[in-house]
């Protein structure tokens, strides 16, 4: 699965849909193997 960006598990139940959307948008900018934005 080299090069993939993977959602590993469900977010905490307290996270709103709007917050989840923001996190997914940011996740596109993470560097491989460091998870650094």
ModelCIF file with pLDDT and N, C-alpha, C, O atoms, coordinates in Angstrom:
data_MODEL
#
_entry.id   MODEL 
#
_entity.id                         1 
_entity.type                       polymer 
_entity.pdbx_number_of_molecules   1 
#
_entity_poly.entity_id                      1 
_entity_poly.type                           'polypeptide(L)' 
_entity_poly.nstd_linkage                   no 
_entity_poly.nstd_monomer                   no 
_entity_poly.pdbx_seq_one_letter_code       
;(UNK)(UNK)(UNK)(UNK)(UNK)(UNK)(UNK)(UNK)(UNK)(UNK)(UNK)(UNK)(UNK)(UNK)(UNK)(UNK)
(UNK)(UNK)(UNK)(UNK)(UNK)(UNK)(UNK)(UNK)(UNK)(UNK)(UNK)(UNK)(UNK)(UNK)(UNK)(UNK)
(UNK)(UNK)(UNK)(UNK)(UNK)
;
_entity_poly.pdbx_seq_one_letter_code_can   XXXXXXXXXXXXXXXXXXXXXXXXXXXXXXXXXXXXX 
_entity_poly.pdbx_strand_id                 A 
#
loop_
_entity_poly_seq.entity_id 
_entity_poly_seq.num 
_entity_poly_seq.mon_id 
_entity_poly_seq.hetero 
1 1  UNK n 
1 2  UNK n 
1 3  UNK n 
1 4  UNK n 
1 5  UNK n 
1 6  UNK n 
1 7  UNK n 
1 8  UNK n 
1 9  UNK n 
1 10 UNK n 
1 11 UNK n 
1 12 UNK n 
1 13 UNK n 
1 14 UNK n 
1 15 UNK n 
1 16 UNK n 
1 17 UNK n 
1 18 UNK n 
1 19 UNK n 
1 20 UNK n 
1 21 UNK n 
1 22 UNK n 
1 23 UNK n 
1 24 UNK n 
1 25 UNK n 
1 26 UNK n 
1 27 UNK n 
1 28 UNK n 
1 29 UNK n 
1 30 UNK n 
1 31 UNK n 
1 32 UNK n 
1 33 UNK n 
1 34 UNK n 
1 35 UNK n 
1 36 UNK n 
1 37 UNK n 
#
_struct_asym.id          A 
_struct_asym.entity_id   1 
#
loop_
_ma_qa_metric.id 
_ma_qa_metric.mode 
_ma_qa_metric.name 
_ma_qa_metric.software_group_id 
_ma_qa_metric.type 
1 global pLDDT . pLDDT 
2 local  pLDDT . pLDDT 
#
_ma_qa_metric_global.metric_id      1 
_ma_qa_metric_global.metric_value   86.30 
_ma_qa_metric_global.model_id       1 
_ma_qa_metric_global.ordinal_id     1 
#
loop_
_ma_qa_metric_local.label_asym_id 
_ma_qa_metric_local.label_comp_id 
_ma_qa_metric_local.label_seq_id 
_ma_qa_metric_local.metric_id 
_ma_qa_metric_local.metric_value 
_ma_qa_metric_local.model_id 
_ma_qa_metric_local.ordinal_id 
A UNK 1  2 52.00 1 1  
A UNK 2  2 51.00 1 2  
A UNK 3  2 51.00 1 3  
A UNK 4  2 64.00 1 4  
A UNK 5  2 71.00 1 5  
A UNK 6  2 75.00 1 6  
A UNK 7  2 74.00 1 7  
A UNK 8  2 75.00 1 8  
A UNK 9  2 83.00 1 9  
A UNK 10 2 89.00 1 10 
A UNK 11 2 92.00 1 11 
A UNK 12 2 93.00 1 12 
A UNK 13 2 94.00 1 13 
A UNK 14 2 96.00 1 14 
A UNK 15 2 96.00 1 15 
A UNK 16 2 96.00 1 16 
A UNK 17 2 95.00 1 17 
A UNK 18 2 96.00 1 18 
A UNK 19 2 97.00 1 19 
A UNK 20 2 95.00 1 20 
A UNK 21 2 95.00 1 21 
A UNK 22 2 96.00 1 22 
A UNK 23 2 96.00 1 23 
A UNK 24 2 93.00 1 24 
A UNK 25 2 94.00 1 25 
A UNK 26 2 95.00 1 26 
A UNK 27 2 92.00 1 27 
A UNK 28 2 91.00 1 28 
A UNK 29 2 93.00 1 29 
A UNK 30 2 91.00 1 30 
A UNK 31 2 88.00 1 31 
A UNK 32 2 85.00 1 32 
A UNK 33 2 84.00 1 33 
A UNK 34 2 88.00 1 34 
A UNK 35 2 92.00 1 35 
A UNK 36 2 92.00 1 36 
A UNK 37 2 93.00 1 37 
#
loop_
_atom_site.group_PDB 
_atom_site.id 
_atom_site.type_symbol 
_atom_site.label_atom_id 
_atom_site.label_alt_id 
_atom_site.label_comp_id 
_atom_site.label_asym_id 
_atom_site.label_entity_id 
_atom_site.label_seq_id 
_atom_site.pdbx_PDB_ins_code 
_atom_site.Cartn_x 
_atom_site.Cartn_y 
_atom_site.Cartn_z 
_atom_site.occupancy 
_atom_site.B_iso_or_equiv 
_atom_site.pdbx_formal_charge 
_atom_site.auth_seq_id 
_atom_site.auth_comp_id 
_atom_site.auth_asym_id 
_atom_site.auth_atom_id 
_atom_site.pdbx_PDB_model_num 
ATOM 1   N N  . UNK A 1 1  ? 0.823   -1.202 0.000  1.00 52.00 ? 1  UNK A N  1 
ATOM 2   C CA . UNK A 1 1  ? 0.000   0.000  0.000  1.00 52.00 ? 1  UNK A CA 1 
ATOM 3   C C  . UNK A 1 1  ? 0.859   1.255  0.000  1.00 52.00 ? 1  UNK A C  1 
ATOM 4   O O  . UNK A 1 1  ? 0.406   2.315  0.433  1.00 52.00 ? 1  UNK A O  1 
ATOM 5   N N  . UNK A 1 2  ? 2.071   1.152  -0.471 1.00 51.00 ? 2  UNK A N  1 
ATOM 6   C CA . UNK A 1 2  ? 3.028   2.253  -0.475 1.00 51.00 ? 2  UNK A CA 1 
ATOM 7   C C  . UNK A 1 2  ? 2.444   3.485  -1.153 1.00 51.00 ? 2  UNK A C  1 
ATOM 8   O O  . UNK A 1 2  ? 1.851   3.402  -2.228 1.00 51.00 ? 2  UNK A O  1 
ATOM 9   N N  . UNK A 1 3  ? 2.623   4.620  -0.505 1.00 51.00 ? 3  UNK A N  1 
ATOM 10  C CA . UNK A 1 3  ? 2.171   5.874  -1.077 1.00 51.00 ? 3  UNK A CA 1 
ATOM 11  C C  . UNK A 1 3  ? 0.754   6.247  -0.685 1.00 51.00 ? 3  UNK A C  1 
ATOM 12  O O  . UNK A 1 3  ? 0.320   7.374  -0.927 1.00 51.00 ? 3  UNK A O  1 
ATOM 13  N N  . UNK A 1 4  ? 0.029   5.319  -0.086 1.00 64.00 ? 4  UNK A N  1 
ATOM 14  C CA . UNK A 1 4  ? -1.352  5.597  0.293  1.00 64.00 ? 4  UNK A CA 1 
ATOM 15  C C  . UNK A 1 4  ? -1.424  6.405  1.580  1.00 64.00 ? 4  UNK A C  1 
ATOM 16  O O  . UNK A 1 4  ? -0.532  6.353  2.427  1.00 64.00 ? 4  UNK A O  1 
ATOM 17  N N  . UNK A 1 5  ? -2.508  7.149  1.695  1.00 71.00 ? 5  UNK A N  1 
ATOM 18  C CA . UNK A 1 5  ? -2.848  7.820  2.940  1.00 71.00 ? 5  UNK A CA 1 
ATOM 19  C C  . UNK A 1 5  ? -4.112  7.157  3.430  1.00 71.00 ? 5  UNK A C  1 
ATOM 20  O O  . UNK A 1 5  ? -5.122  7.133  2.728  1.00 71.00 ? 5  UNK A O  1 
ATOM 21  N N  . UNK A 1 6  ? -4.058  6.615  4.639  1.00 75.00 ? 6  UNK A N  1 
ATOM 22  C CA . UNK A 1 6  ? -5.110  5.721  5.107  1.00 75.00 ? 6  UNK A CA 1 
ATOM 23  C C  . UNK A 1 6  ? -5.778  6.254  6.367  1.00 75.00 ? 6  UNK A C  1 
ATOM 24  O O  . UNK A 1 6  ? -5.115  6.715  7.295  1.00 75.00 ? 6  UNK A O  1 
ATOM 25  N N  . UNK A 1 7  ? -7.102  6.181  6.378  1.00 74.00 ? 7  UNK A N  1 
ATOM 26  C CA . UNK A 1 7  ? -7.853  6.457  7.596  1.00 74.00 ? 7  UNK A CA 1 
ATOM 27  C C  . UNK A 1 7  ? -7.836  5.169  8.411  1.00 74.00 ? 7  UNK A C  1 
ATOM 28  O O  . UNK A 1 7  ? -8.390  4.153  7.989  1.00 74.00 ? 7  UNK A O  1 
ATOM 29  N N  . UNK A 1 8  ? -7.199  5.215  9.580  1.00 75.00 ? 8  UNK A N  1 
ATOM 30  C CA . UNK A 1 8  ? -6.933  4.003  10.346 1.00 75.00 ? 8  UNK A CA 1 
ATOM 31  C C  . UNK A 1 8  ? -8.133  3.549  11.175 1.00 75.00 ? 8  UNK A C  1 
ATOM 32  O O  . UNK A 1 8  ? -8.466  2.363  11.184 1.00 75.00 ? 8  UNK A O  1 
ATOM 33  N N  . UNK A 1 9  ? -8.772  4.466  11.860 1.00 83.00 ? 9  UNK A N  1 
ATOM 34  C CA . UNK A 1 9  ? -9.890  4.083  12.734 1.00 83.00 ? 9  UNK A CA 1 
ATOM 35  C C  . UNK A 1 9  ? -10.850 5.248  12.891 1.00 83.00 ? 9  UNK A C  1 
ATOM 36  O O  . UNK A 1 9  ? -10.541 6.375  12.505 1.00 83.00 ? 9  UNK A O  1 
ATOM 37  N N  . UNK A 1 10 ? -12.009 4.974  13.454 1.00 89.00 ? 10 UNK A N  1 
ATOM 38  C CA . UNK A 1 10 ? -13.024 6.005  13.637 1.00 89.00 ? 10 UNK A CA 1 
ATOM 39  C C  . UNK A 1 10 ? -12.540 7.083  14.598 1.00 89.00 ? 10 UNK A C  1 
ATOM 40  O O  . UNK A 1 10 ? -11.818 6.809  15.557 1.00 89.00 ? 10 UNK A O  1 
ATOM 41  N N  . UNK A 1 11 ? -12.955 8.319  14.317 1.00 92.00 ? 11 UNK A N  1 
ATOM 42  C CA . UNK A 1 11 ? -12.640 9.427  15.204 1.00 92.00 ? 11 UNK A CA 1 
ATOM 43  C C  . UNK A 1 11 ? -13.505 9.332  16.469 1.00 92.00 ? 11 UNK A C  1 
ATOM 44  O O  . UNK A 1 11 ? -14.546 8.676  16.456 1.00 92.00 ? 11 UNK A O  1 
ATOM 45  N N  . UNK A 1 12 ? -13.084 9.974  17.545 1.00 93.00 ? 12 UNK A N  1 
ATOM 46  C CA . UNK A 1 12 ? -13.907 9.968  18.764 1.00 93.00 ? 12 UNK A CA 1 
ATOM 47  C C  . UNK A 1 12 ? -15.325 10.456 18.469 1.00 93.00 ? 12 UNK A C  1 
ATOM 48  O O  . UNK A 1 12 ? -15.524 11.304 17.599 1.00 93.00 ? 12 UNK A O  1 
ATOM 49  N N  . UNK A 1 13 ? -16.295 9.929  19.182 1.00 94.00 ? 13 UNK A N  1 
ATOM 50  C CA . UNK A 1 13 ? -17.703 10.246 18.928 1.00 94.00 ? 13 UNK A CA 1 
ATOM 51  C C  . UNK A 1 13 ? -18.034 11.721 19.155 1.00 94.00 ? 13 UNK A C  1 
ATOM 52  O O  . UNK A 1 13 ? -19.041 12.214 18.648 1.00 94.00 ? 13 UNK A O  1 
ATOM 53  N N  . UNK A 1 14 ? -17.192 12.425 19.913 1.00 96.00 ? 14 UNK A N  1 
ATOM 54  C CA . UNK A 1 14 ? -17.445 13.844 20.185 1.00 96.00 ? 14 UNK A CA 1 
ATOM 55  C C  . UNK A 1 14 ? -17.080 14.748 19.004 1.00 96.00 ? 14 UNK A C  1 
ATOM 56  O O  . UNK A 1 14 ? -17.421 15.931 19.002 1.00 96.00 ? 14 UNK A O  1 
ATOM 57  N N  . UNK A 1 15 ? -16.386 14.196 17.998 1.00 96.00 ? 15 UNK A N  1 
ATOM 58  C CA . UNK A 1 15 ? -16.011 14.978 16.820 1.00 96.00 ? 15 UNK A CA 1 
ATOM 59  C C  . UNK A 1 15 ? -17.242 15.201 15.944 1.00 96.00 ? 15 UNK A C  1 
ATOM 60  O O  . UNK A 1 15 ? -17.952 14.255 15.602 1.00 96.00 ? 15 UNK A O  1 
ATOM 61  N N  . UNK A 1 16 ? -17.485 16.458 15.587 1.00 96.00 ? 16 UNK A N  1 
ATOM 62  C CA . UNK A 1 16 ? -18.623 16.776 14.731 1.00 96.00 ? 16 UNK A CA 1 
ATOM 63  C C  . UNK A 1 16 ? -18.293 16.474 13.275 1.00 96.00 ? 16 UNK A C  1 
ATOM 64  O O  . UNK A 1 16 ? -17.130 16.283 12.920 1.00 96.00 ? 16 UNK A O  1 
ATOM 65  N N  . UNK A 1 17 ? -19.329 16.432 12.433 1.00 95.00 ? 17 UNK A N  1 
ATOM 66  C CA . UNK A 1 17 ? -19.103 16.199 11.006 1.00 95.00 ? 17 UNK A CA 1 
ATOM 67  C C  . UNK A 1 17 ? -18.255 17.310 10.407 1.00 95.00 ? 17 UNK A C  1 
ATOM 68  O O  . UNK A 1 17 ? -17.401 17.051 9.559  1.00 95.00 ? 17 UNK A O  1 
ATOM 69  N N  . UNK A 1 18 ? -18.483 18.542 10.840 1.00 96.00 ? 18 UNK A N  1 
ATOM 70  C CA . UNK A 1 18 ? -17.710 19.676 10.329 1.00 96.00 ? 18 UNK A CA 1 
ATOM 71  C C  . UNK A 1 18 ? -16.233 19.534 10.700 1.00 96.00 ? 18 UNK A C  1 
ATOM 72  O O  . UNK A 1 18 ? -15.358 19.809 9.880  1.00 96.00 ? 18 UNK A O  1 
ATOM 73  N N  . UNK A 1 19 ? -15.956 19.105 11.931 1.00 97.00 ? 19 UNK A N  1 
ATOM 74  C CA . UNK A 1 19 ? -14.568 18.916 12.360 1.00 97.00 ? 19 UNK A CA 1 
ATOM 75  C C  . UNK A 1 19 ? -13.918 17.765 11.602 1.00 97.00 ? 19 UNK A C  1 
ATOM 76  O O  . UNK A 1 19 ? -12.752 17.844 11.218 1.00 97.00 ? 19 UNK A O  1 
ATOM 77  N N  . UNK A 1 20 ? -14.685 16.690 11.390 1.00 95.00 ? 20 UNK A N  1 
ATOM 78  C CA . UNK A 1 20 ? -14.150 15.547 10.634 1.00 95.00 ? 20 UNK A CA 1 
ATOM 79  C C  . UNK A 1 20 ? -13.785 15.975 9.217  1.00 95.00 ? 20 UNK A C  1 
ATOM 80  O O  . UNK A 1 20 ? -12.766 15.542 8.677  1.00 95.00 ? 20 UNK A O  1 
ATOM 81  N N  . UNK A 1 21 ? -14.607 16.817 8.621  1.00 95.00 ? 21 UNK A N  1 
ATOM 82  C CA . UNK A 1 21 ? -14.315 17.313 7.280  1.00 95.00 ? 21 UNK A CA 1 
ATOM 83  C C  . UNK A 1 21 ? -13.036 18.128 7.246  1.00 95.00 ? 21 UNK A C  1 
ATOM 84  O O  . UNK A 1 21 ? -12.248 18.008 6.308  1.00 95.00 ? 21 UNK A O  1 
ATOM 85  N N  . UNK A 1 22 ? -12.824 18.945 8.245  1.00 96.00 ? 22 UNK A N  1 
ATOM 86  C CA . UNK A 1 22 ? -11.595 19.752 8.318  1.00 96.00 ? 22 UNK A CA 1 
ATOM 87  C C  . UNK A 1 22 ? -10.374 18.848 8.469  1.00 96.00 ? 22 UNK A C  1 
ATOM 88  O O  . UNK A 1 22 ? -9.341  19.083 7.842  1.00 96.00 ? 22 UNK A O  1 
ATOM 89  N N  . UNK A 1 23 ? -10.495 17.818 9.299  1.00 96.00 ? 23 UNK A N  1 
ATOM 90  C CA . UNK A 1 23 ? -9.373  16.893 9.497  1.00 96.00 ? 23 UNK A CA 1 
ATOM 91  C C  . UNK A 1 23 ? -9.036  16.157 8.207  1.00 96.00 ? 23 UNK A C  1 
ATOM 92  O O  . UNK A 1 23 ? -7.862  16.006 7.870  1.00 96.00 ? 23 UNK A O  1 
ATOM 93  N N  . UNK A 1 24 ? -10.034 15.707 7.496  1.00 93.00 ? 24 UNK A N  1 
ATOM 94  C CA . UNK A 1 24 ? -9.790  15.004 6.232  1.00 93.00 ? 24 UNK A CA 1 
ATOM 95  C C  . UNK A 1 24 ? -9.141  15.926 5.205  1.00 93.00 ? 24 UNK A C  1 
ATOM 96  O O  . UNK A 1 24 ? -8.292  15.493 4.425  1.00 93.00 ? 24 UNK A O  1 
ATOM 97  N N  . UNK A 1 25 ? -9.538  17.193 5.205  1.00 94.00 ? 25 UNK A N  1 
ATOM 98  C CA . UNK A 1 25 ? -8.929  18.150 4.270  1.00 94.00 ? 25 UNK A CA 1 
ATOM 99  C C  . UNK A 1 25 ? -7.451  18.347 4.609  1.00 94.00 ? 25 UNK A C  1 
ATOM 100 O O  . UNK A 1 25 ? -6.605  18.398 3.717  1.00 94.00 ? 25 UNK A O  1 
ATOM 101 N N  . UNK A 1 26 ? -7.150  18.454 5.893  1.00 95.00 ? 26 UNK A N  1 
ATOM 102 C CA . UNK A 1 26 ? -5.756  18.632 6.311  1.00 95.00 ? 26 UNK A CA 1 
ATOM 103 C C  . UNK A 1 26 ? -4.917  17.391 6.050  1.00 95.00 ? 26 UNK A C  1 
ATOM 104 O O  . UNK A 1 26 ? -3.732  17.486 5.730  1.00 95.00 ? 26 UNK A O  1 
ATOM 105 N N  . UNK A 1 27 ? -5.541  16.228 6.189  1.00 92.00 ? 27 UNK A N  1 
ATOM 106 C CA . UNK A 1 27 ? -4.819  14.965 6.037  1.00 92.00 ? 27 UNK A CA 1 
ATOM 107 C C  . UNK A 1 27 ? -4.158  14.842 4.666  1.00 92.00 ? 27 UNK A C  1 
ATOM 108 O O  . UNK A 1 27 ? -3.157  14.141 4.525  1.00 92.00 ? 27 UNK A O  1 
ATOM 109 N N  . UNK A 1 28 ? -4.704  15.511 3.663  1.00 91.00 ? 28 UNK A N  1 
ATOM 110 C CA . UNK A 1 28 ? -4.113  15.495 2.324  1.00 91.00 ? 28 UNK A CA 1 
ATOM 111 C C  . UNK A 1 28 ? -2.711  16.081 2.324  1.00 91.00 ? 28 UNK A C  1 
ATOM 112 O O  . UNK A 1 28 ? -1.936  15.831 1.400  1.00 91.00 ? 28 UNK A O  1 
ATOM 113 N N  . UNK A 1 29 ? -2.374  16.859 3.346  1.00 93.00 ? 29 UNK A N  1 
ATOM 114 C CA . UNK A 1 29 ? -1.092  17.576 3.374  1.00 93.00 ? 29 UNK A CA 1 
ATOM 115 C C  . UNK A 1 29 ? -0.077  16.934 4.320  1.00 93.00 ? 29 UNK A C  1 
ATOM 116 O O  . UNK A 1 29 ? 0.917   17.566 4.679  1.00 93.00 ? 29 UNK A O  1 
ATOM 117 N N  . UNK A 1 30 ? -0.316  15.695 4.724  1.00 91.00 ? 30 UNK A N  1 
ATOM 118 C CA . UNK A 1 30 ? 0.626   15.029 5.623  1.00 91.00 ? 30 UNK A CA 1 
ATOM 119 C C  . UNK A 1 30 ? 1.782   14.399 4.849  1.00 91.00 ? 30 UNK A C  1 
ATOM 120 O O  . UNK A 1 30 ? 1.587   13.822 3.779  1.00 91.00 ? 30 UNK A O  1 
ATOM 121 N N  . UNK A 1 31 ? 2.976   14.517 5.402  1.00 88.00 ? 31 UNK A N  1 
ATOM 122 C CA . UNK A 1 31 ? 4.171   13.936 4.779  1.00 88.00 ? 31 UNK A CA 1 
ATOM 123 C C  . UNK A 1 31 ? 4.272   12.460 5.130  1.00 88.00 ? 31 UNK A C  1 
ATOM 124 O O  . UNK A 1 31 ? 3.998   12.079 6.268  1.00 88.00 ? 31 UNK A O  1 
ATOM 125 N N  . UNK A 1 32 ? 4.666   11.610 4.159  1.00 85.00 ? 32 UNK A N  1 
ATOM 126 C CA . UNK A 1 32 ? 4.765   10.162 4.398  1.00 85.00 ? 32 UNK A CA 1 
ATOM 127 C C  . UNK A 1 32 ? 5.685   9.820  5.567  1.00 85.00 ? 32 UNK A C  1 
ATOM 128 O O  . UNK A 1 32 ? 6.780   10.363 5.708  1.00 85.00 ? 32 UNK A O  1 
ATOM 129 N N  . UNK A 1 33 ? 5.196   8.893  6.405  1.00 84.00 ? 33 UNK A N  1 
ATOM 130 C CA . UNK A 1 33 ? 5.937   8.309  7.523  1.00 84.00 ? 33 UNK A CA 1 
ATOM 131 C C  . UNK A 1 33 ? 6.180   9.244  8.714  1.00 84.00 ? 33 UNK A C  1 
ATOM 132 O O  . UNK A 1 33 ? 6.567   8.783  9.788  1.00 84.00 ? 33 UNK A O  1 
ATOM 133 N N  . UNK A 1 34 ? 5.958   10.551 8.534  1.00 88.00 ? 34 UNK A N  1 
ATOM 134 C CA . UNK A 1 34 ? 6.107   11.461 9.671  1.00 88.00 ? 34 UNK A CA 1 
ATOM 135 C C  . UNK A 1 34 ? 4.757   11.991 10.144 1.00 88.00 ? 34 UNK A C  1 
ATOM 136 O O  . UNK A 1 34 ? 4.627   12.440 11.283 1.00 88.00 ? 34 UNK A O  1 
ATOM 137 N N  . UNK A 1 35 ? 3.735   11.939 9.253  1.00 92.00 ? 35 UNK A N  1 
ATOM 138 C CA . UNK A 1 35 ? 2.409   12.489 9.562  1.00 92.00 ? 35 UNK A CA 1 
ATOM 139 C C  . UNK A 1 35 ? 2.466   13.978 9.882  1.00 92.00 ? 35 UNK A C  1 
ATOM 140 O O  . UNK A 1 35 ? 1.569   14.514 10.533 1.00 92.00 ? 35 UNK A O  1 
ATOM 141 N N  . UNK A 1 36 ? 3.506   14.634 9.429  1.00 92.00 ? 36 UNK A N  1 
ATOM 142 C CA . UNK A 1 36 ? 3.684   16.067 9.629  1.00 92.00 ? 36 UNK A CA 1 
ATOM 143 C C  . UNK A 1 36 ? 2.881   16.841 8.590  1.00 92.00 ? 36 UNK A C  1 
ATOM 144 O O  . UNK A 1 36 ? 2.891   16.495 7.409  1.00 92.00 ? 36 UNK A O  1 
ATOM 145 N N  . UNK A 1 37 ? 2.186   17.888 9.028  1.00 93.00 ? 37 UNK A N  1 
ATOM 146 C CA . UNK A 1 37 ? 1.452   18.736 8.093  1.00 93.00 ? 37 UNK A CA 1 
ATOM 147 C C  . UNK A 1 37 ? 2.442   19.641 7.368  1.00 93.00 ? 37 UNK A C  1 
ATOM 148 O O  . UNK A 1 37 ? 2.041   20.446 6.527  1.00 93.00 ? 37 UNK A O  1 
#
